[in-house]
Amino acid sequence: MSKFGGVDYILNVQDFGTSAKDKNIITESALRYAAYKHIPLQRRFTTRKRESDQRSKFDIRPFSHKNEFNFVSENSLTPVTERDKLFIFAHADDSEVGFAEAKHLAGMLVAFGLRKVGLITFKACEVGSGTFLENFVAALERRAVIIGWAKGYKGEARTVTRRQGGVVIKVFEKILDENEDVLTGDDRLKIVRGTTGLFSQDFGRYTVA
């Protein structure tokens, strides 16, 4: 369950220009969160067909992630409500997520059926270090999408799994600067609030002020 009272969704936005190894980093990070947060297959989507049941039957290359996600299409994100959280996993920098600038990514999400969402959280590098989040939220709202908040990290993101006695107790992102020092607090992430006044109460770090 999301902190807003709804459920969690996952979308992998794969950059077509990256290697299979780089794509698998995104896939494996998303699967760690899916297992930790118990996000079922019907709420896990990808832009990479090989991760879904639409993988070509003629593709005989070894692949360990078949059928772990649904290939994203029109109406995939239509069920998302204002109480839900959407995780977006991708390689990114301060101007692009996967292969898309802010306005293009917003257009993609609308094409996939997104109309409202409590939080979009980017599990990706550098998204919060420039103005991508502000541009992204504005682009969504121009397309009539109601959004509570968007969150992105300000440095390099590395997915960490913490175990105790062999049991996973937490999955989180370690955020590093260019010197590989760990970032914390406001240096670690940025949160941008939507302008539609979706919520009138705070949810921890997600505030209405």
C-alpha atoms as a PDB file:
ATOM      1  CA  MET A   1       0.000   0.000   0.000  1.00  0.00           C
ATOM      2  CA  SER A   2       1.267   3.495  -0.803  1.00  0.00           C
ATOM      3  CA  LYS A   3       1.533   6.087   1.957  1.00  0.00           C
ATOM      4  CA  PHE A   4      -1.462   7.862   0.402  1.00  0.00           C
ATOM      5  CA  GLY A   5      -3.733   4.870   0.974  1.00  0.00           C
ATOM      6  CA  GLY A   6      -3.521   3.400  -2.514  1.00  0.00           C
ATOM      7  CA  VAL A   7      -1.207   0.934  -4.248  1.00  0.00           C
ATOM      8  CA  ASP A   8       2.149   0.983  -6.046  1.00  0.00           C
ATOM      9  CA  TYR A   9       2.860   0.699  -9.774  1.00  0.00           C
ATOM     10  CA  ILE A  10       6.155   0.226 -11.634  1.00  0.00           C
ATOM     11  CA  LEU A  11       7.174   1.436 -15.083  1.00  0.00           C
ATOM     12  CA  ASN A  12      10.601   0.667 -16.572  1.00  0.00           C
ATOM     13  CA  VAL A  13      11.582   3.263 -19.175  1.00  0.00           C
ATOM     14  CA  GLN A  14      14.413   1.654 -21.102  1.00  0.00           C
ATOM     15  CA  ASP A  15      16.753   3.649 -23.321  1.00  0.00           C
ATOM     16  CA  PHE A  16      16.925   1.858 -26.662  1.00  0.00           C
ATOM     17  CA  GLY A  17      20.517   3.026 -27.160  1.00  0.00           C
ATOM     18  CA  THR A  18      21.959   1.293 -24.105  1.00  0.00           C
ATOM     19  CA  SER A  19      23.437  -2.184 -23.851  1.00  0.00           C
ATOM     20  CA  ALA A  20      21.582  -5.234 -22.580  1.00  0.00           C
ATOM     21  CA  LYS A  21      23.745  -5.069 -19.455  1.00  0.00           C
ATOM     22  CA  ASP A  22      22.678  -1.479 -18.758  1.00  0.00           C
ATOM     23  CA  LYS A  23      19.033  -2.346 -19.373  1.00  0.00           C
ATOM     24  CA  ASN A  24      19.289  -5.256 -16.945  1.00  0.00           C
ATOM     25  CA  ILE A  25      20.493  -2.893 -14.205  1.00  0.00           C
ATOM     26  CA  ILE A  26      17.130  -1.122 -14.467  1.00  0.00           C
ATOM     27  CA  THR A  27      15.213  -4.396 -14.633  1.00  0.00           C
ATOM     28  CA  GLU A  28      16.903  -5.907 -11.604  1.00  0.00           C
ATOM     29  CA  SER A  29      16.499  -2.740  -9.539  1.00  0.00           C
ATOM     30  CA  ALA A  30      12.770  -2.679 -10.335  1.00  0.00           C
ATOM     31  CA  LEU A  31      12.406  -6.348  -9.413  1.00  0.00           C
ATOM     32  CA  ARG A  32      14.031  -5.753  -6.028  1.00  0.00           C
ATOM     33  CA  TYR A  33      11.435  -3.097  -5.236  1.00  0.00           C
ATOM     34  CA  ALA A  34       8.638  -5.245  -6.642  1.00  0.00           C
ATOM     35  CA  ALA A  35       9.558  -8.102  -4.305  1.00  0.00           C
ATOM     36  CA  TYR A  36      10.102  -5.862  -1.275  1.00  0.00           C
ATOM     37  CA  LYS A  37       6.844  -3.937  -1.748  1.00  0.00           C
ATOM     38  CA  HIS A  38       4.823  -6.913  -3.023  1.00  0.00           C
ATOM     39  CA  ILE A  39       3.885  -5.246  -6.308  1.00  0.00           C
ATOM     40  CA  PRO A  40       2.139  -7.883  -8.449  1.00  0.00           C
ATOM     41  CA  LEU A  41       2.728  -8.495 -12.144  1.00  0.00           C
ATOM     42  CA  GLN A  42      -0.480  -6.729 -13.170  1.00  0.00           C
ATOM     43  CA  ARG A  43       0.954  -3.449 -11.820  1.00  0.00           C
ATOM     44  CA  ARG A  44       4.429  -3.814 -13.355  1.00  0.00           C
ATOM     45  CA  PHE A  45       5.077  -2.372 -16.837  1.00  0.00           C
ATOM     46  CA  THR A  46       8.016  -1.914 -19.184  1.00  0.00           C
ATOM     47  CA  THR A  47       8.909  -0.331 -22.510  1.00  0.00           C
ATOM     48  CA  ARG A  48      11.111  -3.383 -23.266  1.00  0.00           C
ATOM     49  CA  LYS A  49       9.244  -6.270 -24.887  1.00  0.00           C
ATOM     50  CA  ARG A  50      11.819  -8.874 -23.839  1.00  0.00           C
ATOM     51  CA  GLU A  51      10.759  -8.416 -20.202  1.00  0.00           C
ATOM     52  CA  SER A  52       7.142  -9.238 -21.026  1.00  0.00           C
ATOM     53  CA  ASP A  53       5.077 -12.036 -22.510  1.00  0.00           C
ATOM     54  CA  GLN A  54       5.346 -10.225 -25.850  1.00  0.00           C
ATOM     55  CA  ARG A  55       8.930 -11.368 -26.296  1.00  0.00           C
ATOM     56  CA  SER A  56       9.225 -12.835 -29.778  1.00  0.00           C
ATOM     57  CA  LYS A  57       9.085 -16.626 -29.917  1.00  0.00           C
ATOM     58  CA  PHE A  58      11.949 -16.398 -32.412  1.00  0.00           C
ATOM     59  CA  ASP A  59      14.177 -14.657 -29.850  1.00  0.00           C
ATOM     60  CA  ILE A  60      16.315 -17.554 -28.612  1.00  0.00           C
ATOM     61  CA  ARG A  61      18.867 -15.469 -26.722  1.00  0.00           C
ATOM     62  CA  PRO A  62      19.269 -16.388 -23.035  1.00  0.00           C
ATOM     63  CA  PHE A  63      17.227 -14.018 -20.880  1.00  0.00           C
ATOM     64  CA  SER A  64      16.379 -14.321 -17.209  1.00  0.00           C
ATOM     65  CA  HIS A  65      13.602 -11.702 -16.940  1.00  0.00           C
ATOM     66  CA  LYS A  66      10.929 -12.924 -19.337  1.00  0.00           C
ATOM     67  CA  ASN A  67       7.341 -12.310 -18.174  1.00  0.00           C
ATOM     68  CA  GLU A  68       8.444 -10.230 -15.180  1.00  0.00           C
ATOM     69  CA  PHE A  69       6.566  -7.168 -16.503  1.00  0.00           C
ATOM     70  CA  ASN A  70       3.730  -6.289 -18.872  1.00  0.00           C
ATOM     71  CA  PHE A  71       4.597  -4.469 -22.082  1.00  0.00           C
ATOM     72  CA  VAL A  72       3.211  -0.980 -21.567  1.00  0.00           C
ATOM     73  CA  SER A  73       0.441   0.083 -23.909  1.00  0.00           C
ATOM     74  CA  GLU A  74      -2.595   2.321 -24.180  1.00  0.00           C
ATOM     75  CA  ASN A  75      -4.613   2.261 -20.941  1.00  0.00           C
ATOM     76  CA  SER A  76      -1.901   0.463 -18.916  1.00  0.00           C
ATOM     77  CA  LEU A  77      -1.838   3.354 -16.436  1.00  0.00           C
ATOM     78  CA  THR A  78      -5.545   4.207 -16.586  1.00  0.00           C
ATOM     79  CA  PRO A  79      -6.255   2.401 -13.267  1.00  0.00           C
ATOM     80  CA  VAL A  80      -3.793   4.638 -11.377  1.00  0.00           C
ATOM     81  CA  THR A  81      -5.631   6.887  -8.909  1.00  0.00           C
ATOM     82  CA  GLU A  82      -4.727   9.966  -6.875  1.00  0.00           C
ATOM     83  CA  ARG A  83      -3.966   7.645  -3.929  1.00  0.00           C
ATOM     84  CA  ASP A  84      -1.393   5.583  -5.833  1.00  0.00           C
ATOM     85  CA  LYS A  85       2.363   5.791  -6.325  1.00  0.00           C
ATOM     86  CA  LEU A  86       4.133   5.238  -9.643  1.00  0.00           C
ATOM     87  CA  PHE A  87       7.774   4.141  -9.547  1.00  0.00           C
ATOM     88  CA  ILE A  88       9.701   4.968 -12.734  1.00  0.00           C
ATOM     89  CA  PHE A  89      12.973   3.081 -13.165  1.00  0.00           C
ATOM     90  CA  ALA A  90      15.394   4.343 -15.808  1.00  0.00           C
ATOM     91  CA  HIS A  91      18.868   5.549 -16.607  1.00  0.00           C
ATOM     92  CA  ALA A  92      18.750   9.323 -16.495  1.00  0.00           C
ATOM     93  CA  ASP A  93      20.543  12.620 -16.130  1.00  0.00           C
ATOM     94  CA  ASP A  94      19.372  16.135 -15.291  1.00  0.00           C
ATOM     95  CA  SER A  95      17.598  16.579 -18.639  1.00  0.00           C
ATOM     96  CA  GLU A  96      16.355  13.145 -19.764  1.00  0.00           C
ATOM     97  CA  VAL A  97      14.823  10.006 -18.298  1.00  0.00           C
ATOM     98  CA  GLY A  98      15.580   7.015 -20.470  1.00  0.00           C
ATOM     99  CA  PHE A  99      15.328   8.523 -23.932  1.00  0.00           C
ATOM    100  CA  ALA A 100      12.837  11.274 -23.080  1.00  0.00           C
ATOM    101  CA  GLU A 101      12.916  14.919 -22.089  1.00  0.00           C
ATOM    102  CA  ALA A 102      10.362  16.033 -19.498  1.00  0.00           C
ATOM    103  CA  LYS A 103       7.625  17.017 -21.957  1.00  0.00           C
ATOM    104  CA  HIS A 104       8.075  13.837 -23.978  1.00  0.00           C
ATOM    105  CA  LEU A 105       7.943  11.606 -20.915  1.00  0.00           C
ATOM    106  CA  ALA A 106       4.780  13.380 -19.763  1.00  0.00           C
ATOM    107  CA  GLY A 107       3.249  12.773 -23.185  1.00  0.00           C
ATOM    108  CA  MET A 108       4.194   9.088 -23.018  1.00  0.00           C
ATOM    109  CA  LEU A 109       2.522   8.636 -19.642  1.00  0.00           C
ATOM    110  CA  VAL A 110      -0.654  10.271 -20.901  1.00  0.00           C
ATOM    111  CA  ALA A 111      -0.568   8.008 -23.964  1.00  0.00           C
ATOM    112  CA  PHE A 112      -0.309   5.044 -21.575  1.00  0.00           C
ATOM    113  CA  GLY A 113      -3.478   6.206 -19.808  1.00  0.00           C
ATOM    114  CA  LEU A 114      -2.222   8.224 -16.837  1.00  0.00           C
ATOM    115  CA  ARG A 115      -4.786  10.782 -15.687  1.00  0.00           C
ATOM    116  CA  LYS A 116      -4.047  11.158 -11.967  1.00  0.00           C
ATOM    117  CA  VAL A 117      -1.416   9.996  -9.479  1.00  0.00           C
ATOM    118  CA  GLY A 118      -0.449  10.778  -5.902  1.00  0.00           C
ATOM    119  CA  LEU A 119       3.309  10.485  -6.389  1.00  0.00           C
ATOM    120  CA  ILE A 120       5.707   9.723  -9.212  1.00  0.00           C
ATOM    121  CA  THR A 121       9.065   8.697  -7.767  1.00  0.00           C
ATOM    122  CA  PHE A 122      12.048   8.325 -10.082  1.00  0.00           C
ATOM    123  CA  LYS A 123      14.497   5.564  -9.237  1.00  0.00           C
ATOM    124  CA  ALA A 124      17.113   7.088 -11.491  1.00  0.00           C
ATOM    125  CA  CYS A 125      20.270   9.204 -11.373  1.00  0.00           C
ATOM    126  CA  GLU A 126      20.359  13.023 -11.370  1.00  0.00           C
ATOM    127  CA  VAL A 127      16.636  13.639 -12.052  1.00  0.00           C
ATOM    128  CA  GLY A 128      16.417  16.065  -9.138  1.00  0.00           C
ATOM    129  CA  SER A 129      19.630  17.952  -9.856  1.00  0.00           C
ATOM    130  CA  GLY A 130      18.247  20.343 -12.458  1.00  0.00           C
ATOM    131  CA  THR A 131      14.783  21.513 -13.475  1.00  0.00           C
ATOM    132  CA  PHE A 132      13.549  18.216 -14.940  1.00  0.00           C
ATOM    133  CA  LEU A 133      11.010  17.634 -12.156  1.00  0.00           C
ATOM    134  CA  GLU A 134       9.525  21.113 -12.412  1.00  0.00           C
ATOM    135  CA  ASN A 135       9.285  20.806 -16.203  1.00  0.00           C
ATOM    136  CA  PHE A 136       7.818  17.310 -15.917  1.00  0.00           C
ATOM    137  CA  VAL A 137       5.089  18.266 -13.435  1.00  0.00           C
ATOM    138  CA  ALA A 138       4.188  21.329 -15.523  1.00  0.00           C
ATOM    139  CA  ALA A 139       4.032  19.189 -18.676  1.00  0.00           C
ATOM    140  CA  LEU A 140       1.731  16.676 -16.995  1.00  0.00           C
ATOM    141  CA  GLU A 141      -0.583  19.411 -15.759  1.00  0.00           C
ATOM    142  CA  ARG A 142      -0.759  20.985 -19.231  1.00  0.00           C
ATOM    143  CA  ARG A 143      -2.093  17.594 -20.313  1.00  0.00           C
ATOM    144  CA  ALA A 144      -4.729  17.684 -17.533  1.00  0.00           C
ATOM    145  CA  VAL A 145      -3.011  15.077 -15.347  1.00  0.00           C
ATOM    146  CA  ILE A 146      -3.632  15.570 -11.617  1.00  0.00           C
ATOM    147  CA  ILE A 147      -0.455  14.907  -9.621  1.00  0.00           C
ATOM    148  CA  GLY A 148       0.367  15.286  -5.951  1.00  0.00           C
ATOM    149  CA  TRP A 149       4.172  15.217  -6.065  1.00  0.00           C
ATOM    150  CA  ALA A 150       7.172  14.113  -8.137  1.00  0.00           C
ATOM    151  CA  LYS A 151      10.454  13.067  -6.529  1.00  0.00           C
ATOM    152  CA  GLY A 152      13.939  12.607  -7.964  1.00  0.00           C
ATOM    153  CA  TYR A 153      17.484  12.149  -6.697  1.00  0.00           C
ATOM    154  CA  LYS A 154      20.288  14.696  -7.072  1.00  0.00           C
ATOM    155  CA  GLY A 155      23.171  12.275  -7.612  1.00  0.00           C
ATOM    156  CA  GLU A 156      24.047   8.797  -8.811  1.00  0.00           C
ATOM    157  CA  ALA A 157      21.481   6.277  -7.568  1.00  0.00           C
ATOM    158  CA  ARG A 158      22.477   2.744  -6.559  1.00  0.00           C
ATOM    159  CA  THR A 159      19.872   0.286  -5.352  1.00  0.00           C
ATOM    160  CA  VAL A 160      20.794  -1.314  -2.022  1.00  0.00           C
ATOM    161  CA  THR A 161      19.173  -4.329  -0.392  1.00  0.00           C
ATOM    162  CA  ARG A 162      19.567  -4.555   3.374  1.00  0.00           C
ATOM    163  CA  ARG A 163      19.200  -7.978   4.964  1.00  0.00           C
ATOM    164  CA  GLN A 164      19.035  -9.205   8.512  1.00  0.00           C
ATOM    165  CA  GLY A 165      19.407 -12.902   9.198  1.00  0.00           C
ATOM    166  CA  GLY A 166      19.046 -13.546   5.472  1.00  0.00           C
ATOM    167  CA  VAL A 167      15.711 -11.703   5.330  1.00  0.00           C
ATOM    168  CA  VAL A 168      15.283  -8.524   3.265  1.00  0.00           C
ATOM    169  CA  ILE A 169      14.331  -5.726   5.655  1.00  0.00           C
ATOM    170  CA  LYS A 170      14.746  -2.746   3.341  1.00  0.00           C
ATOM    171  CA  VAL A 171      15.395  -1.780  -0.277  1.00  0.00           C
ATOM    172  CA  PHE A 172      16.527   1.795  -0.883  1.00  0.00           C
ATOM    173  CA  GLU A 173      18.695   4.058  -3.028  1.00  0.00           C
ATOM    174  CA  LYS A 174      22.180   5.119  -1.973  1.00  0.00           C
ATOM    175  CA  ILE A 175      22.809   8.503  -3.606  1.00  0.00           C
ATOM    176  CA  LEU A 176      26.382   9.529  -4.406  1.00  0.00           C
ATOM    177  CA  ASP A 177      27.965  12.743  -5.648  1.00  0.00           C
ATOM    178  CA  GLU A 178      30.735  12.953  -8.238  1.00  0.00           C
ATOM    179  CA  ASN A 179      33.295  12.073  -5.539  1.00  0.00           C
ATOM    180  CA  GLU A 180      31.230   9.026  -4.496  1.00  0.00           C
ATOM    181  CA  ASP A 181      30.379  10.635  -1.170  1.00  0.00           C
ATOM    182  CA  VAL A 182      26.936   9.699   0.155  1.00  0.00           C
ATOM    183  CA  LEU A 183      24.347  12.489  -0.111  1.00  0.00           C
ATOM    184  CA  THR A 184      21.784  12.992   2.656  1.00  0.00           C
ATOM    185  CA  GLY A 185      18.833  15.244   3.452  1.00  0.00           C
ATOM    186  CA  ASP A 186      18.018  18.001   0.967  1.00  0.00           C
ATOM    187  CA  ASP A 187      21.291  17.292  -0.841  1.00  0.00           C
ATOM    188  CA  ARG A 188      19.980  13.814  -1.649  1.00  0.00           C
ATOM    189  CA  LEU A 189      16.654  14.487  -3.352  1.00  0.00           C
ATOM    190  CA  LYS A 190      14.157  17.016  -4.599  1.00  0.00           C
ATOM    191  CA  ILE A 191      10.360  16.921  -4.269  1.00  0.00           C
ATOM    192  CA  VAL A 192       8.122  19.044  -6.504  1.00  0.00           C
ATOM    193  CA  ARG A 193       4.455  19.497  -5.644  1.00  0.00           C
ATOM    194  CA  GLY A 194       1.721  19.686  -8.232  1.00  0.00           C
ATOM    195  CA  THR A 195      -0.337  22.861  -8.403  1.00  0.00           C
ATOM    196  CA  THR A 196      -3.773  21.238  -8.421  1.00  0.00           C
ATOM    197  CA  GLY A 197      -4.066  21.038  -4.611  1.00  0.00           C
ATOM    198  CA  LEU A 198      -4.679  17.293  -4.756  1.00  0.00           C
ATOM    199  CA  PHE A 199      -4.087  16.800  -1.024  1.00  0.00           C
ATOM    200  CA  SER A 200      -4.768  19.088   1.920  1.00  0.00           C
ATOM    201  CA  GLN A 201      -2.680  17.114   4.419  1.00  0.00           C
ATOM    202  CA  ASP A 202       1.019  16.295   4.739  1.00  0.00           C
ATOM    203  CA  PHE A 203       2.423  12.797   4.258  1.00  0.00           C
ATOM    204  CA  GLY A 204       5.789  12.944   5.970  1.00  0.00           C
ATOM    205  CA  ARG A 205       8.232  14.630   3.589  1.00  0.00           C
ATOM    206  CA  TYR A 206       5.391  15.273   1.108  1.00  0.00           C
ATOM    207  CA  THR A 207       3.978  18.534   2.386  1.00  0.00           C
ATOM    208  CA  VAL A 208       1.260  20.892   1.199  1.00  0.00           C
ATOM    209  CA  ALA A 209       3.030  24.057   2.351  1.00  0.00           C
END
